[in-house]
Amino acid sequence: MQSFKALVVESSDPYTAHIRQAALDELPQGDVLVQVAYSSLNYKDALAVTGAGKVIRSFPMVPGIDLAGKVLESASPEYKPGDLVILTGWGVGERHWGGLAELARVRSEWLLPLPEGLTLQQAMGIGTAGFTAMLALMALEAHGIDPSREVLVTGAAGGVGSLAVALLARRGYRVVAATGRTSEEAYLKLLGAHEILDRSALSAPARPLESERFGGAVDTVGGAVLAGVLPRMAYGSSVVACGNAGGARLETTVFPFILRGVNLLGIDSVMCPKEKRLLAWQRLVQDLPRPLLEATMQTVSLEDVPRLAQAFLQGQVRGRLVVQLT
């Protein structure tokens, strides 16, 4: 293949993003060439495609922080042509051409073999979002969750939130799903949530501490929502923060941390050693029922991405958008 179809963001001034044929020699350096079967549309990708956020570091750029496909060429001893591989949680789509194209050339250390028990499509249904949700669950369990109390997930109808709800419920926790779209109640109950909470109920309280309620929390929103979660946490509980769609600023007090011993844990899907990365994917294969995974997925074409990126930023997309490339 000397040319291939790709969604390319050409420049920032003026901001232009379109689907075009790209030449093989436009691909950046890397020791593995992958024929991409599926990618996905994440929050960062929506920002990149629309130009709504400063995600892309250089131009031209192909967005797409996830990809799954087949190795076509390899200079790495780890992979040979024909191997099925996935890539999640690295800087592709930001500073290195990403998954929203029929071909990708990447560094071998960014890849993992397709986990046994998953198809390429299912792997992208999980993607960086599901990988992040599993890292959040592992962090919560490492710090202890009081099983007598509820566990909160904010941004519950989104990609990370949906999979966090499903994973926590599967482990037997009573999950409260907070969302700005209470019309998604049936969907969230299907994933295992036992209560749906309007996100507005988590607006920052007037008092620095509220009644203890949650024994753990996964916050995918940040900003005022995270500030509203902290005063409602039980003594010794943990909040995992893994998103900042609501803003990166955190206006709170020290009382949740000093008087209640609340732990604030950060999750970065890139800063993750390979051993932990493999363990997280093994857990995902074991802990995430395929019917629930299928319920969170919608498969779309590359041509659908510009329209859906706008819908994503307007809060009109639920779960995971898997993009079929080949």
Protein backbone atom coordinates (compact mmCIF):
# COMPACT_ATOMS: atom_id res chain seq x y z
CA MET A 1 0.00 0.00 0.00
CA GLN A 2 1.68 3.18 -1.18
CA SER A 3 -1.26 5.32 -0.09
CA PHE A 4 -3.97 4.92 2.51
CA LYS A 5 -7.05 6.69 3.83
CA ALA A 6 -6.57 8.87 6.90
CA LEU A 7 -8.25 11.64 8.86
CA VAL A 8 -5.59 14.35 8.87
CA VAL A 9 -5.50 17.60 10.82
CA GLU A 10 -3.42 19.71 8.45
CA SER A 11 -2.77 22.88 10.43
CA SER A 12 -3.89 25.03 13.34
CA ASP A 13 -4.16 28.36 11.53
CA PRO A 14 -6.63 28.03 9.97
CA TYR A 15 -7.68 24.78 11.65
CA THR A 16 -8.37 22.17 8.96
CA ALA A 17 -9.21 18.49 9.41
CA HIS A 18 -10.36 16.24 6.57
CA ILE A 19 -10.23 12.69 5.27
CA ARG A 20 -7.72 12.23 2.46
CA GLN A 21 -5.29 9.77 0.89
CA ALA A 22 -1.93 9.90 2.65
CA ALA A 23 1.37 8.60 1.27
CA LEU A 24 3.34 5.87 3.00
CA ASP A 25 6.37 8.13 3.31
CA GLU A 26 4.32 10.63 5.32
CA LEU A 27 4.17 8.22 8.24
CA PRO A 28 6.53 9.04 11.13
CA GLN A 29 9.41 6.81 12.12
CA GLY A 30 8.80 3.56 13.97
CA ASP A 31 9.94 -0.03 13.81
CA VAL A 32 6.50 -1.63 13.26
CA LEU A 33 4.01 -0.94 10.46
CA VAL A 34 0.43 -1.88 11.40
CA GLN A 35 -2.61 -2.28 9.17
CA VAL A 36 -5.24 -0.70 11.42
CA ALA A 37 -8.51 -2.59 11.65
CA TYR A 38 -10.14 -0.51 14.39
CA SER A 39 -9.51 2.65 16.35
CA SER A 40 -11.86 4.59 18.63
CA LEU A 41 -13.09 8.09 19.33
CA ASN A 42 -12.10 9.38 22.77
CA TYR A 43 -12.48 12.80 24.40
CA LYS A 44 -8.94 13.78 23.35
CA ASP A 45 -9.67 12.69 19.79
CA ALA A 46 -12.84 14.81 19.70
CA LEU A 47 -10.83 17.82 20.87
CA ALA A 48 -8.20 17.10 18.21
CA VAL A 49 -10.63 16.57 15.33
CA THR A 50 -12.67 19.70 16.09
CA GLY A 51 -9.82 21.95 17.17
CA ALA A 52 -11.64 22.66 20.43
CA GLY A 53 -8.58 21.85 22.52
CA LYS A 54 -4.81 22.13 22.17
CA VAL A 55 -4.18 18.40 21.99
CA ILE A 56 -2.04 18.12 18.87
CA ARG A 57 1.64 18.99 19.29
CA SER A 58 2.68 19.16 15.60
CA PHE A 59 1.05 19.34 12.18
CA PRO A 60 0.00 17.55 10.05
CA MET A 61 -1.33 14.93 12.49
CA VAL A 62 -3.62 11.91 12.41
CA PRO A 63 -5.63 11.78 15.68
CA GLY A 64 -6.68 8.56 17.38
CA ILE A 65 -5.10 7.54 20.70
CA ASP A 66 -6.04 3.86 20.21
CA LEU A 67 -5.48 1.31 17.46
CA ALA A 68 -5.79 -2.42 16.89
CA GLY A 69 -4.67 -4.30 13.82
CA LYS A 70 -2.23 -6.62 12.07
CA VAL A 71 1.53 -6.20 11.74
CA LEU A 72 2.56 -5.73 8.10
CA GLU A 73 6.28 -5.01 8.57
CA SER A 74 8.50 -5.21 11.64
CA ALA A 75 12.11 -4.46 12.48
CA SER A 76 11.48 -5.53 16.07
CA PRO A 77 12.25 -9.06 17.33
CA GLU A 78 9.06 -8.91 19.44
CA TYR A 79 6.65 -8.81 16.50
CA LYS A 80 6.46 -10.44 13.09
CA PRO A 81 4.16 -9.85 10.09
CA GLY A 82 0.71 -11.25 10.75
CA ASP A 83 0.77 -10.68 14.51
CA LEU A 84 -2.37 -9.08 15.95
CA VAL A 85 -1.55 -6.12 18.19
CA ILE A 86 -3.14 -3.29 20.16
CA LEU A 87 -1.91 0.14 21.18
CA THR A 88 -3.51 2.17 23.98
CA GLY A 89 -2.36 4.82 26.39
CA TRP A 90 0.63 6.39 24.60
CA GLY A 91 1.15 9.70 22.82
CA VAL A 92 -0.14 8.64 19.43
CA GLY A 93 -2.67 11.03 17.94
CA GLU A 94 -1.00 13.93 19.75
CA ARG A 95 2.69 14.00 18.83
CA HIS A 96 2.88 10.86 16.65
CA TRP A 97 0.38 9.87 13.94
CA GLY A 98 -2.41 7.83 15.53
CA GLY A 99 -5.15 5.34 14.84
CA LEU A 100 -7.65 7.16 12.62
CA ALA A 101 -5.98 5.88 9.46
CA GLU A 102 -5.68 2.61 7.58
CA LEU A 103 -1.94 2.38 8.41
CA ALA A 104 0.16 3.34 11.41
CA ARG A 105 3.91 3.17 11.95
CA VAL A 106 4.75 3.02 15.65
CA ARG A 107 7.41 2.04 18.15
CA SER A 108 7.30 -1.60 19.19
CA GLU A 109 7.42 -0.79 22.93
CA TRP A 110 4.03 0.95 22.59
CA LEU A 111 2.38 -2.26 21.37
CA LEU A 112 0.96 -5.27 23.16
CA PRO A 113 -0.14 -8.57 21.62
CA LEU A 114 -3.91 -8.81 21.27
CA PRO A 115 -5.04 -10.29 24.61
CA GLU A 116 -6.27 -13.86 24.25
CA GLY A 117 -10.05 -13.99 24.37
CA LEU A 118 -10.63 -10.63 22.66
CA THR A 119 -11.24 -9.70 19.04
CA LEU A 120 -9.62 -6.58 17.60
CA GLN A 121 -13.02 -4.89 17.64
CA GLN A 122 -13.62 -5.77 21.30
CA ALA A 123 -10.14 -4.55 22.22
CA MET A 124 -11.02 -1.14 20.83
CA GLY A 125 -14.37 -1.29 22.61
CA ILE A 126 -12.20 -1.34 25.73
CA GLY A 127 -9.38 0.88 24.46
CA THR A 128 -7.62 3.50 26.56
CA ALA A 129 -10.93 4.25 28.27
CA GLY A 130 -11.37 0.70 29.57
CA PHE A 131 -7.67 0.41 30.36
CA THR A 132 -7.95 3.59 32.45
CA ALA A 133 -11.09 2.29 34.17
CA MET A 134 -9.25 -0.91 35.13
CA LEU A 135 -6.26 1.04 36.44
CA ALA A 136 -8.72 3.06 38.54
CA LEU A 137 -10.30 -0.10 39.95
CA MET A 138 -6.87 -1.58 40.73
CA ALA A 139 -5.84 1.64 42.52
CA LEU A 140 -9.03 1.70 44.59
CA GLU A 141 -8.67 -1.93 45.60
CA ALA A 142 -4.98 -1.46 46.45
CA HIS A 143 -6.00 1.26 48.93
CA GLY A 144 -9.03 -0.62 50.23
CA ILE A 145 -12.74 -0.11 49.58
CA ASP A 146 -15.24 -0.35 52.42
CA PRO A 147 -17.71 -2.91 51.00
CA SER A 148 -20.46 -1.62 53.30
CA ARG A 149 -20.51 1.72 51.50
CA GLU A 150 -21.37 2.82 47.98
CA VAL A 151 -18.81 3.54 45.28
CA LEU A 152 -19.33 6.63 43.12
CA VAL A 153 -18.53 6.99 39.41
CA THR A 154 -18.82 10.45 37.85
CA GLY A 155 -19.23 10.99 34.12
CA ALA A 156 -20.80 7.56 34.23
CA ALA A 157 -22.33 7.60 30.72
CA GLY A 158 -18.97 8.31 29.06
CA GLY A 159 -16.37 5.82 27.89
CA VAL A 160 -14.26 5.54 31.06
CA GLY A 161 -17.31 5.98 33.29
CA SER A 162 -19.40 3.28 31.57
CA LEU A 163 -16.65 0.71 31.85
CA ALA A 164 -15.83 1.72 35.44
CA VAL A 165 -19.50 1.18 36.39
CA ALA A 166 -19.51 -2.24 34.72
CA LEU A 167 -16.20 -3.35 36.29
CA LEU A 168 -17.09 -2.17 39.80
CA ALA A 169 -20.56 -3.72 39.67
CA ARG A 170 -19.07 -6.99 38.43
CA ARG A 171 -16.83 -7.01 41.52
CA GLY A 172 -19.91 -6.75 43.73
CA TYR A 173 -19.75 -3.08 44.74
CA ARG A 174 -22.90 -0.96 45.02
CA VAL A 175 -22.25 1.63 42.32
CA VAL A 176 -23.79 5.10 42.27
CA ALA A 177 -23.55 6.46 38.71
CA ALA A 178 -23.43 10.26 38.53
CA THR A 179 -24.20 11.80 35.14
CA GLY A 180 -25.46 14.99 33.58
CA ARG A 181 -27.71 12.82 31.40
CA THR A 182 -30.20 11.13 33.71
CA SER A 183 -32.04 9.98 30.55
CA GLU A 184 -29.34 7.26 30.43
CA GLU A 185 -30.73 5.56 33.54
CA ALA A 186 -31.73 2.35 31.73
CA TYR A 187 -28.28 2.07 30.13
CA LEU A 188 -26.46 2.59 33.43
CA LYS A 189 -28.72 0.15 35.26
CA LEU A 190 -27.92 -2.40 32.53
CA LEU A 191 -24.22 -1.93 33.34
CA GLY A 192 -24.90 -2.63 36.99
CA ALA A 193 -25.46 0.75 38.67
CA HIS A 194 -27.83 0.49 41.63
CA GLU A 195 -28.56 4.25 41.74
CA ILE A 196 -28.40 7.11 39.24
CA LEU A 197 -27.42 10.51 40.63
CA ASP A 198 -27.86 13.81 38.80
CA ARG A 199 -24.42 15.38 38.52
CA SER A 200 -25.79 18.71 39.77
CA ALA A 201 -26.20 17.07 43.19
CA LEU A 202 -22.40 16.98 43.42
CA SER A 203 -21.91 20.72 42.99
CA ALA A 204 -19.45 22.02 45.56
CA PRO A 205 -21.25 22.13 48.94
CA ALA A 206 -21.40 25.17 51.19
CA ARG A 207 -19.70 23.24 54.00
CA PRO A 208 -16.14 21.85 53.78
CA LEU A 209 -17.42 18.41 54.90
CA GLU A 210 -20.75 16.73 54.22
CA SER A 211 -22.12 13.47 55.60
CA GLU A 212 -19.87 10.50 54.87
CA ARG A 213 -21.38 8.46 52.04
CA PHE A 214 -18.96 6.96 49.54
CA GLY A 215 -16.37 4.30 50.32
CA GLY A 216 -14.58 4.97 47.04
CA ALA A 217 -14.97 7.05 43.89
CA VAL A 218 -13.81 7.17 40.28
CA ASP A 219 -13.95 10.74 38.98
CA THR A 220 -13.71 11.13 35.21
CA VAL A 221 -14.80 14.80 35.13
CA GLY A 222 -12.63 16.93 37.42
CA GLY A 223 -13.21 20.59 38.23
CA ALA A 224 -16.27 21.46 40.30
CA VAL A 225 -17.54 17.87 40.25
CA LEU A 226 -14.38 16.54 41.88
CA ALA A 227 -14.51 19.40 44.40
CA GLY A 228 -18.05 18.31 45.25
CA VAL A 229 -17.13 14.64 45.61
CA LEU A 230 -14.32 15.06 48.17
CA PRO A 231 -16.45 16.36 51.11
CA ARG A 232 -18.81 13.37 50.73
CA MET A 233 -16.16 10.67 51.04
CA ALA A 234 -16.02 8.34 54.04
CA TYR A 235 -13.08 8.22 56.44
CA GLY A 236 -10.02 6.53 54.91
CA SER A 237 -11.61 6.23 51.46
CA SER A 238 -9.98 7.00 48.11
CA VAL A 239 -10.93 9.06 45.07
CA VAL A 240 -9.32 8.12 41.76
CA ALA A 241 -9.06 11.11 39.40
CA CYS A 242 -8.61 10.25 35.71
CA GLY A 243 -10.20 13.10 33.73
CA ASN A 244 -10.44 16.85 33.48
CA ALA A 245 -13.29 17.48 31.04
CA GLY A 246 -14.82 19.71 33.74
CA GLY A 247 -11.59 21.64 34.21
CA ALA A 248 -8.14 21.10 35.64
CA ARG A 249 -8.51 23.51 38.56
CA LEU A 250 -9.48 22.06 41.94
CA GLU A 251 -10.98 24.45 44.47
CA THR A 252 -11.42 22.61 47.76
CA THR A 253 -10.19 22.62 51.35
CA VAL A 254 -7.72 20.40 53.20
CA PHE A 255 -10.45 19.06 55.52
CA PRO A 256 -11.28 15.89 53.51
CA PHE A 257 -7.59 14.98 53.55
CA ILE A 258 -6.76 15.94 57.15
CA LEU A 259 -9.98 15.20 59.06
CA ARG A 260 -11.16 12.21 57.03
CA GLY A 261 -7.89 10.84 55.67
CA VAL A 262 -9.21 10.79 52.11
CA ASN A 263 -6.70 9.70 49.46
CA LEU A 264 -6.63 11.46 46.08
CA LEU A 265 -5.12 9.08 43.52
CA GLY A 266 -4.16 10.13 40.00
CA ILE A 267 -4.30 7.77 37.00
CA ASP A 268 -2.22 8.34 33.86
CA SER A 269 -2.60 5.61 31.26
CA VAL A 270 0.81 6.44 29.72
CA MET A 271 2.92 6.31 32.89
CA CYS A 272 2.29 2.62 33.42
CA PRO A 273 5.01 -0.08 33.47
CA LYS A 274 4.59 -2.92 30.99
CA GLU A 275 4.06 -5.53 33.73
CA LYS A 276 1.16 -3.54 35.17
CA ARG A 277 -0.15 -2.87 31.66
CA LEU A 278 -0.27 -6.60 30.92
CA LEU A 279 -1.91 -7.31 34.27
CA ALA A 280 -4.60 -4.68 33.62
CA TRP A 281 -5.43 -6.24 30.25
CA GLN A 282 -5.54 -9.71 31.80
CA ARG A 283 -7.99 -8.40 34.40
CA LEU A 284 -10.10 -6.78 31.67
CA VAL A 285 -10.39 -10.07 29.79
CA GLN A 286 -11.42 -11.86 33.00
CA ASP A 287 -13.63 -9.22 34.65
CA LEU A 288 -15.56 -7.62 31.80
CA PRO A 289 -18.44 -9.78 30.51
CA ARG A 290 -18.70 -9.66 26.72
CA PRO A 291 -22.44 -8.80 26.70
CA LEU A 292 -21.76 -5.76 28.89
CA LEU A 293 -18.84 -4.75 26.70
CA GLU A 294 -21.03 -5.02 23.60
CA ALA A 295 -23.66 -2.85 25.33
CA THR A 296 -21.13 -0.02 25.72
CA MET A 297 -19.92 -0.14 22.08
CA GLN A 298 -21.08 1.47 18.86
CA THR A 299 -19.09 0.80 15.67
CA VAL A 300 -18.87 3.65 13.14
CA SER A 301 -16.96 4.50 9.97
CA LEU A 302 -14.11 6.97 9.55
CA GLU A 303 -16.47 9.22 7.61
CA ASP A 304 -18.71 9.45 10.70
CA VAL A 305 -15.93 10.76 12.94
CA PRO A 306 -16.08 14.55 12.23
CA ARG A 307 -19.83 14.66 12.99
CA LEU A 308 -19.54 12.42 16.04
CA ALA A 309 -16.60 14.43 17.40
CA GLN A 310 -18.91 17.45 17.63
CA ALA A 311 -21.62 15.34 19.27
CA PHE A 312 -19.06 13.95 21.71
CA LEU A 313 -18.12 17.41 22.97
CA GLN A 314 -21.80 18.32 23.30
CA GLY A 315 -22.37 15.37 25.64
CA GLN A 316 -24.52 13.48 23.14
CA VAL A 317 -22.45 10.28 22.98
CA ARG A 318 -22.57 7.44 25.47
CA GLY A 319 -20.15 4.59 25.98
CA ARG A 320 -17.48 3.75 23.42
CA LEU A 321 -17.31 4.72 19.74
CA VAL A 322 -15.28 2.14 17.83
CA VAL A 323 -14.06 3.29 14.41
CA GLN A 324 -13.70 0.61 11.71
CA LEU A 325 -10.82 1.27 9.31
CA THR A 326 -10.33 -1.93 7.31
